[in-house]
């Protein structure tokens, strides 16, 4: 299992940070990756009324004018 953590710096070079979590997120009730009975939403969507977009993957001309 990987322990990669947010690097806290902007970069365009993949895997260019050396930040790691002290422990793995094994909490399947309140952690990032949850089991079905403890899902973020019952329909399986993190954002049922829209979408989650990685901002770096959106060209400036197509970027939304406001964030929700």
N, C-alpha and C. Protein backbone atom coordinates (compact mmCIF):
# COMPACT_ATOMS: atom_id res chain seq x y z
N UNK A 1 0.84 -1.18 0.00
CA UNK A 1 0.00 0.00 0.00
C UNK A 1 0.88 1.24 0.00
N UNK A 2 0.39 2.28 -0.61
CA UNK A 2 1.14 3.52 -0.70
C UNK A 2 0.79 4.45 0.45
N UNK A 3 1.75 5.24 0.87
CA UNK A 3 1.53 6.21 1.94
C UNK A 3 1.72 7.63 1.44
N UNK A 4 1.56 7.87 0.15
CA UNK A 4 1.77 9.20 -0.41
C UNK A 4 0.86 10.21 0.27
N UNK A 5 1.41 11.38 0.56
CA UNK A 5 0.67 12.45 1.21
C UNK A 5 0.74 13.70 0.34
N UNK A 6 -0.14 14.67 0.58
CA UNK A 6 -0.06 15.91 -0.19
C UNK A 6 1.32 16.55 -0.06
N UNK A 7 1.89 16.94 -1.16
CA UNK A 7 3.23 17.51 -1.15
C UNK A 7 3.29 18.95 -0.69
N UNK A 8 2.17 19.67 -0.86
CA UNK A 8 2.12 21.05 -0.42
C UNK A 8 2.88 22.02 -1.32
N UNK A 9 3.18 21.61 -2.54
CA UNK A 9 3.85 22.51 -3.47
C UNK A 9 3.31 22.26 -4.87
N UNK A 10 3.25 23.32 -5.66
CA UNK A 10 2.76 23.21 -7.04
C UNK A 10 3.89 22.72 -7.92
N UNK A 11 3.58 21.77 -8.77
CA UNK A 11 4.58 21.24 -9.68
C UNK A 11 3.90 20.61 -10.88
N UNK A 12 4.59 20.54 -11.97
CA UNK A 12 4.07 19.86 -13.16
C UNK A 12 4.81 18.55 -13.40
N UNK A 13 5.68 18.20 -12.47
CA UNK A 13 6.47 16.98 -12.59
C UNK A 13 5.86 15.90 -11.70
N UNK A 14 5.38 14.85 -12.31
CA UNK A 14 4.77 13.76 -11.55
C UNK A 14 5.76 13.13 -10.59
N UNK A 15 5.28 12.77 -9.42
CA UNK A 15 6.05 12.06 -8.39
C UNK A 15 7.28 12.83 -7.95
N UNK A 16 7.20 14.16 -7.93
CA UNK A 16 8.37 14.98 -7.60
C UNK A 16 8.42 15.41 -6.14
N UNK A 17 7.54 14.88 -5.30
CA UNK A 17 7.58 15.23 -3.89
C UNK A 17 7.94 14.00 -3.05
N UNK A 18 8.41 14.25 -1.87
CA UNK A 18 8.83 13.17 -0.98
C UNK A 18 8.10 13.25 0.35
N UNK A 19 6.78 13.45 0.32
CA UNK A 19 5.98 13.52 1.53
C UNK A 19 5.21 12.21 1.69
N UNK A 20 5.24 11.67 2.89
CA UNK A 20 4.55 10.42 3.15
C UNK A 20 3.80 10.50 4.47
N UNK A 21 2.65 9.85 4.55
CA UNK A 21 1.89 9.78 5.79
C UNK A 21 2.60 8.84 6.75
N UNK A 22 2.45 9.12 8.04
CA UNK A 22 3.06 8.27 9.05
C UNK A 22 2.42 6.89 9.10
N UNK A 23 1.14 6.84 8.74
CA UNK A 23 0.43 5.55 8.77
C UNK A 23 -0.56 5.48 7.60
N UNK A 24 -1.03 4.29 7.32
CA UNK A 24 -2.00 4.09 6.25
C UNK A 24 -3.40 4.44 6.74
N UNK A 25 -4.25 4.91 5.84
CA UNK A 25 -5.65 5.18 6.17
C UNK A 25 -6.42 3.86 6.06
N UNK A 26 -6.59 3.19 7.18
CA UNK A 26 -7.28 1.90 7.19
C UNK A 26 -8.69 2.02 7.77
N UNK A 27 -9.13 3.24 8.06
CA UNK A 27 -10.45 3.47 8.65
C UNK A 27 -11.50 3.40 7.56
N UNK A 28 -12.20 2.30 7.46
CA UNK A 28 -13.20 2.10 6.41
C UNK A 28 -14.56 2.70 6.77
N UNK A 29 -14.69 3.27 7.99
CA UNK A 29 -15.93 3.94 8.37
C UNK A 29 -15.85 5.44 8.13
N UNK A 30 -14.70 6.08 8.44
CA UNK A 30 -14.56 7.53 8.31
C UNK A 30 -13.38 7.95 7.45
N UNK A 31 -12.65 7.01 6.89
CA UNK A 31 -11.47 7.32 6.08
C UNK A 31 -11.82 7.78 4.68
N UNK A 32 -10.79 7.93 3.88
CA UNK A 32 -10.97 8.39 2.50
C UNK A 32 -11.67 7.33 1.65
N UNK A 33 -11.19 6.09 1.73
CA UNK A 33 -11.80 4.98 1.00
C UNK A 33 -12.64 4.19 2.00
N UNK A 34 -13.93 4.18 1.78
CA UNK A 34 -14.86 3.57 2.74
C UNK A 34 -15.50 2.32 2.19
N UNK A 35 -16.00 1.48 3.11
CA UNK A 35 -16.75 0.30 2.69
C UNK A 35 -18.19 0.73 2.38
N UNK A 36 -18.96 -0.15 1.77
CA UNK A 36 -20.31 0.20 1.29
C UNK A 36 -21.23 0.71 2.40
N UNK A 37 -21.29 0.07 3.56
CA UNK A 37 -22.20 0.59 4.59
C UNK A 37 -21.85 2.00 5.08
N UNK A 38 -20.63 2.45 4.88
CA UNK A 38 -20.19 3.77 5.36
C UNK A 38 -19.80 4.70 4.20
N UNK A 39 -20.37 4.48 3.04
CA UNK A 39 -20.04 5.28 1.85
C UNK A 39 -20.33 6.76 2.08
N UNK A 40 -19.63 7.62 1.35
CA UNK A 40 -19.85 9.06 1.44
C UNK A 40 -21.30 9.40 1.08
N UNK A 41 -21.86 8.69 0.11
CA UNK A 41 -23.27 8.87 -0.24
C UNK A 41 -23.83 7.50 -0.61
N UNK A 42 -25.12 7.33 -0.42
CA UNK A 42 -25.74 6.02 -0.64
C UNK A 42 -25.84 5.65 -2.12
N UNK A 43 -25.82 6.65 -3.02
CA UNK A 43 -25.91 6.32 -4.46
C UNK A 43 -24.53 6.07 -5.06
N UNK A 44 -23.47 6.19 -4.25
CA UNK A 44 -22.13 5.89 -4.72
C UNK A 44 -21.40 7.06 -5.34
N UNK A 45 -22.00 8.24 -5.36
CA UNK A 45 -21.39 9.40 -5.98
C UNK A 45 -20.87 10.37 -4.92
N UNK A 46 -19.65 10.87 -5.10
CA UNK A 46 -19.12 11.89 -4.19
C UNK A 46 -19.73 13.25 -4.47
N UNK A 47 -20.27 13.41 -5.67
CA UNK A 47 -20.83 14.70 -6.07
C UNK A 47 -22.07 14.45 -6.93
N UNK A 48 -23.19 14.07 -6.31
CA UNK A 48 -24.38 13.67 -7.09
C UNK A 48 -24.99 14.79 -7.95
N UNK A 49 -24.75 16.06 -7.60
CA UNK A 49 -25.34 17.15 -8.36
C UNK A 49 -24.35 17.87 -9.28
N UNK A 50 -23.22 17.23 -9.57
CA UNK A 50 -22.22 17.88 -10.42
C UNK A 50 -21.08 16.92 -10.68
N UNK A 51 -19.86 17.43 -10.63
CA UNK A 51 -18.71 16.58 -10.85
C UNK A 51 -17.49 17.12 -10.12
N UNK A 52 -16.52 16.28 -9.92
CA UNK A 52 -15.26 16.67 -9.32
C UNK A 52 -14.24 16.72 -10.44
N UNK A 53 -13.57 17.86 -10.59
CA UNK A 53 -12.62 18.05 -11.68
C UNK A 53 -11.28 18.47 -11.12
N UNK A 54 -10.23 17.81 -11.55
CA UNK A 54 -8.88 18.22 -11.17
C UNK A 54 -8.58 19.49 -11.97
N UNK A 55 -8.42 20.60 -11.28
CA UNK A 55 -8.27 21.90 -11.94
C UNK A 55 -7.11 21.93 -12.92
N UNK A 56 -6.04 21.22 -12.63
CA UNK A 56 -4.88 21.25 -13.53
C UNK A 56 -5.20 20.63 -14.89
N UNK A 57 -6.25 19.84 -14.98
CA UNK A 57 -6.60 19.19 -16.23
C UNK A 57 -7.58 19.96 -17.09
N UNK A 58 -7.93 21.18 -16.68
CA UNK A 58 -8.90 21.98 -17.41
C UNK A 58 -8.20 23.17 -18.06
N UNK A 59 -8.28 23.31 -19.39
CA UNK A 59 -7.69 24.48 -20.05
C UNK A 59 -8.31 25.77 -19.51
N UNK A 60 -7.53 26.82 -19.40
CA UNK A 60 -7.98 28.08 -18.83
C UNK A 60 -9.25 28.58 -19.51
N UNK A 61 -9.34 28.45 -20.81
CA UNK A 61 -10.52 28.94 -21.54
C UNK A 61 -11.78 28.17 -21.17
N UNK A 62 -11.65 26.96 -20.66
CA UNK A 62 -12.80 26.15 -20.30
C UNK A 62 -13.06 26.10 -18.80
N UNK A 63 -12.24 26.78 -18.03
CA UNK A 63 -12.37 26.76 -16.58
C UNK A 63 -13.67 27.44 -16.16
N UNK A 64 -14.31 26.92 -15.12
CA UNK A 64 -15.54 27.56 -14.64
C UNK A 64 -15.23 28.93 -14.05
N UNK A 65 -16.23 29.80 -14.05
CA UNK A 65 -16.04 31.15 -13.56
C UNK A 65 -16.11 31.20 -12.04
N UNK A 66 -16.69 30.19 -11.42
CA UNK A 66 -16.76 30.16 -9.96
C UNK A 66 -16.72 28.71 -9.48
N UNK A 67 -16.23 28.53 -8.30
CA UNK A 67 -16.21 27.20 -7.68
C UNK A 67 -17.37 27.08 -6.72
N UNK A 68 -17.85 25.88 -6.53
CA UNK A 68 -18.95 25.67 -5.58
C UNK A 68 -18.42 25.30 -4.25
